[in-house]
Amino acid sequence: MREVARDVRVGDVVHAYPETKEIFEQHEMSFCAGCYVTLFSEIEKAAGYAAVKDVEGLISDLKRLVARLERAR
């Protein structure tokens, strides 16, 4: 997977790093049955659907976790 960025699909991130689901949820992005469209959208668009106020913070948190996971692999 390429680096986490605004134009990367949420589903690609979660598929590559399931642990990131917690980060999305901390930023109030849901993965409920009615919100499945989130998985097929780019992070920025999905964040807009969920009214995430701090998209940069979300991306920063995701990058930090992914870097930690990569070091552990």
Protein backbone atom coordinates (compact mmCIF):
# COMPACT_ATOMS: atom_id res chain seq x y z
CA MET A 1 0.00 0.00 0.00
CA ARG A 2 1.22 3.50 -0.69
CA GLU A 3 1.52 6.15 2.00
CA VAL A 4 -1.60 7.25 3.87
CA ALA A 5 -2.91 10.44 2.26
CA ARG A 6 -6.20 12.28 1.66
CA ASP A 7 -6.79 10.44 -1.63
CA VAL A 8 -6.23 6.90 -0.35
CA ARG A 9 -9.37 4.80 0.09
CA VAL A 10 -10.38 4.08 3.68
CA GLY A 11 -10.93 0.41 2.82
CA ASP A 12 -7.38 0.09 1.49
CA VAL A 13 -5.97 1.43 4.74
CA VAL A 14 -8.17 -0.78 6.93
CA HIS A 15 -7.46 -3.84 4.77
CA ALA A 16 -3.68 -3.33 4.98
CA TYR A 17 -3.73 -2.29 8.65
CA PRO A 18 -6.88 -3.47 10.49
CA GLU A 19 -5.62 -1.74 13.63
CA THR A 20 -6.37 1.63 11.99
CA LYS A 21 -10.09 1.05 12.49
CA GLU A 22 -9.67 2.36 16.04
CA ILE A 23 -8.14 5.61 14.74
CA PHE A 24 -11.03 6.15 12.35
CA GLU A 25 -13.50 5.50 15.16
CA GLN A 26 -11.66 7.91 17.48
CA HIS A 27 -12.23 10.55 14.81
CA GLU A 28 -15.94 9.60 14.72
CA MET A 29 -15.89 7.72 11.42
CA SER A 30 -18.24 4.76 11.58
CA PHE A 31 -18.13 1.41 9.82
CA CYS A 32 -21.74 0.45 10.50
CA ALA A 33 -23.80 -1.35 7.87
CA GLY A 34 -25.39 1.92 6.77
CA CYS A 35 -22.00 3.59 6.44
CA TYR A 36 -20.34 0.99 4.21
CA VAL A 37 -19.75 3.71 1.58
CA THR A 38 -16.98 4.95 3.90
CA LEU A 39 -14.81 1.96 2.98
CA PHE A 40 -15.01 2.75 -0.75
CA SER A 41 -14.27 6.47 -0.40
CA GLU A 42 -11.04 8.39 -0.18
CA ILE A 43 -10.14 9.45 3.36
CA GLU A 44 -10.94 13.12 2.68
CA LYS A 45 -14.36 12.36 1.19
CA ALA A 46 -15.25 9.86 3.92
CA ALA A 47 -14.18 12.38 6.55
CA GLY A 48 -16.52 14.89 4.93
CA TYR A 49 -19.42 12.42 5.00
CA ALA A 50 -18.75 11.88 8.72
CA ALA A 51 -18.24 15.61 9.42
CA VAL A 52 -14.73 15.03 10.78
CA LYS A 53 -13.46 18.43 11.87
CA ASP A 54 -9.72 17.64 11.88
CA VAL A 55 -8.86 15.71 8.72
CA GLU A 56 -5.17 16.55 9.09
CA GLY A 57 -5.24 15.16 12.63
CA LEU A 58 -6.89 11.97 11.37
CA ILE A 59 -4.27 11.51 8.68
CA SER A 60 -1.46 12.30 11.11
CA ASP A 61 -2.77 9.73 13.61
CA LEU A 62 -3.09 7.14 10.84
CA LYS A 63 0.45 7.79 9.59
CA ARG A 64 1.84 7.51 13.11
CA LEU A 65 0.11 4.16 13.72
CA VAL A 66 1.08 2.77 10.30
CA ALA A 67 4.72 3.74 10.86
CA ARG A 68 4.65 1.98 14.25
CA LEU A 69 3.07 -1.13 12.70
CA GLU A 70 5.62 -1.16 9.86
CA ARG A 71 8.52 -0.99 12.33
CA ALA A 72 7.05 -3.98 14.20
CA ARG A 73 6.74 -6.11 11.04
